[in-house]
C-alpha atoms as a PDB file:
ATOM      1  CA  MET A   1     110.758  87.350  96.655  1.00  0.00           C
ATOM      2  CA  GLN A   2     111.990  90.458  94.636  1.00  0.00           C
ATOM      3  CA  TRP A   3     109.117  91.667  93.187  1.00  0.00           C
ATOM      4  CA  TYR A   4     105.075  91.399  93.635  1.00  0.00           C
ATOM      5  CA  LYS A   5     102.288  92.693  91.100  1.00  0.00           C
ATOM      6  CA  HIS A   6     100.669  95.786  92.374  1.00  0.00           C
ATOM      7  CA  TYR A   7      97.281  96.268  91.278  1.00  0.00           C
ATOM      8  CA  VAL A   8      96.824 100.344  91.450  1.00  0.00           C
ATOM      9  CA  ALA A   9      92.677 100.575  91.484  1.00  0.00           C
ATOM     10  CA  ASP A  10      92.734  97.492  94.126  1.00  0.00           C
ATOM     11  CA  TYR A  11      94.841  99.004  96.231  1.00  0.00           C
ATOM     12  CA  GLN A  12      93.033 102.378  96.198  1.00  0.00           C
ATOM     13  CA  GLN A  13      89.805 101.030  96.138  1.00  0.00           C
ATOM     14  CA  ASP A  14      90.755  99.157  99.880  1.00  0.00           C
ATOM     15  CA  THR A  15      92.797 101.573 101.288  1.00  0.00           C
ATOM     16  CA  ALA A  16      90.960 104.809  99.935  1.00  0.00           C
ATOM     17  CA  ASP A  17      90.622 106.117 103.667  1.00  0.00           C
ATOM     18  CA  LEU A  18      94.229 105.445 104.914  1.00  0.00           C
ATOM     19  CA  THR A  19      96.552 108.777 106.712  1.00  0.00           C
ATOM     20  CA  LEU A  20      99.585 108.995 104.051  1.00  0.00           C
ATOM     21  CA  ILE A  21     101.219 107.665 107.952  1.00  0.00           C
ATOM     22  CA  GLU A  22      99.214 104.427 107.821  1.00  0.00           C
ATOM     23  CA  HIS A  23      99.682 103.581 104.238  1.00  0.00           C
ATOM     24  CA  GLY A  24     103.434 103.786 104.704  1.00  0.00           C
ATOM     25  CA  ALA A  25     102.916 101.601 107.387  1.00  0.00           C
ATOM     26  CA  TYR A  26     100.962  98.822 104.922  1.00  0.00           C
ATOM     27  CA  ARG A  27     103.449  99.368 102.300  1.00  0.00           C
ATOM     28  CA  SER A  28     106.177  98.483 104.901  1.00  0.00           C
ATOM     29  CA  LEU A  29     104.226  95.480 105.935  1.00  0.00           C
ATOM     30  CA  LEU A  30     103.563  94.225 103.117  1.00  0.00           C
ATOM     31  CA  ASP A  31     107.124  94.472 101.804  1.00  0.00           C
ATOM     32  CA  ALA A  32     108.316  92.890 104.764  1.00  0.00           C
ATOM     33  CA  TYR A  33     105.375  90.213 104.263  1.00  0.00           C
ATOM     34  CA  TYR A  34     106.705  89.164 100.494  1.00  0.00           C
ATOM     35  CA  GLN A  35     110.513  89.751 101.198  1.00  0.00           C
ATOM     36  CA  ARG A  36     110.593  86.337 103.659  1.00  0.00           C
ATOM     37  CA  GLU A  37     107.457  84.991 101.965  1.00  0.00           C
ATOM     38  CA  SER A  38     105.886  83.287 105.500  1.00  0.00           C
ATOM     39  CA  PRO A  39     104.007  85.213 108.068  1.00  0.00           C
ATOM     40  CA  LEU A  40     104.806  88.663 109.615  1.00  0.00           C
ATOM     41  CA  PRO A  41     106.445  88.273 112.779  1.00  0.00           C
ATOM     42  CA  SER A  42     103.902  88.528 116.143  1.00  0.00           C
ATOM     43  CA  ASP A  43     106.064  90.914 118.429  1.00  0.00           C
ATOM     44  CA  LEU A  44     105.598  93.885 118.069  1.00  0.00           C
ATOM     45  CA  SER A  45     108.913  95.579 119.343  1.00  0.00           C
ATOM     46  CA  LEU A  46     109.605  94.115 115.679  1.00  0.00           C
ATOM     47  CA  LEU A  47     107.045  95.085 113.441  1.00  0.00           C
ATOM     48  CA  TYR A  48     108.335  98.302 114.379  1.00  0.00           C
ATOM     49  CA  ARG A  49     111.793  98.149 114.133  1.00  0.00           C
ATOM     50  CA  ILE A  50     110.724  97.046 110.670  1.00  0.00           C
ATOM     51  CA  THR A  51     108.546  98.984 109.574  1.00  0.00           C
ATOM     52  CA  HIS A  52     110.718 102.189 110.979  1.00  0.00           C
ATOM     53  CA  ALA A  53     107.977 103.191 113.208  1.00  0.00           C
ATOM     54  CA  HIS A  54     109.511 105.562 116.268  1.00  0.00           C
ATOM     55  CA  THR A  55     106.859 107.807 117.042  1.00  0.00           C
ATOM     56  CA  ARG A  56     103.430 106.994 119.027  1.00  0.00           C
ATOM     57  CA  ARG A  57     100.845 107.935 115.643  1.00  0.00           C
ATOM     58  CA  GLU A  58     103.311 105.918 113.715  1.00  0.00           C
ATOM     59  CA  ARG A  59     102.913 103.107 115.909  1.00  0.00           C
ATOM     60  CA  GLU A  60      99.147 103.090 115.760  1.00  0.00           C
ATOM     61  CA  ALA A  61      99.271 103.109 112.701  1.00  0.00           C
ATOM     62  CA  VAL A  62     101.266  99.621 112.223  1.00  0.00           C
ATOM     63  CA  ARG A  63      98.609  98.474 114.713  1.00  0.00           C
ATOM     64  CA  MET A  64      95.969  99.547 112.429  1.00  0.00           C
ATOM     65  CA  ILE A  65      97.317  98.443 109.853  1.00  0.00           C
ATOM     66  CA  LEU A  66      98.220  95.067 111.442  1.00  0.00           C
ATOM     67  CA  ASN A  67      94.575  94.841 112.428  1.00  0.00           C
ATOM     68  CA  ARG A  68      92.528  95.394 109.683  1.00  0.00           C
ATOM     69  CA  PHE A  69      95.252  93.464 107.320  1.00  0.00           C
ATOM     70  CA  PHE A  70      96.944  91.297 108.520  1.00  0.00           C
END
């Protein structure tokens, strides 16, 4: 999929409590999901590579977003 609709008000309403790192993780995971047009892989190591999550805080953010939104 080359593009998807992004409703700013809906996104802001659902993610108002996220940190900047969590927003980055969420958008990276959304992009990966829509690009693949299939469920995300279950392998955390692969998801860390997909989202470029290198630090402990970035990886925690990826896990939190996966648990909350996926």
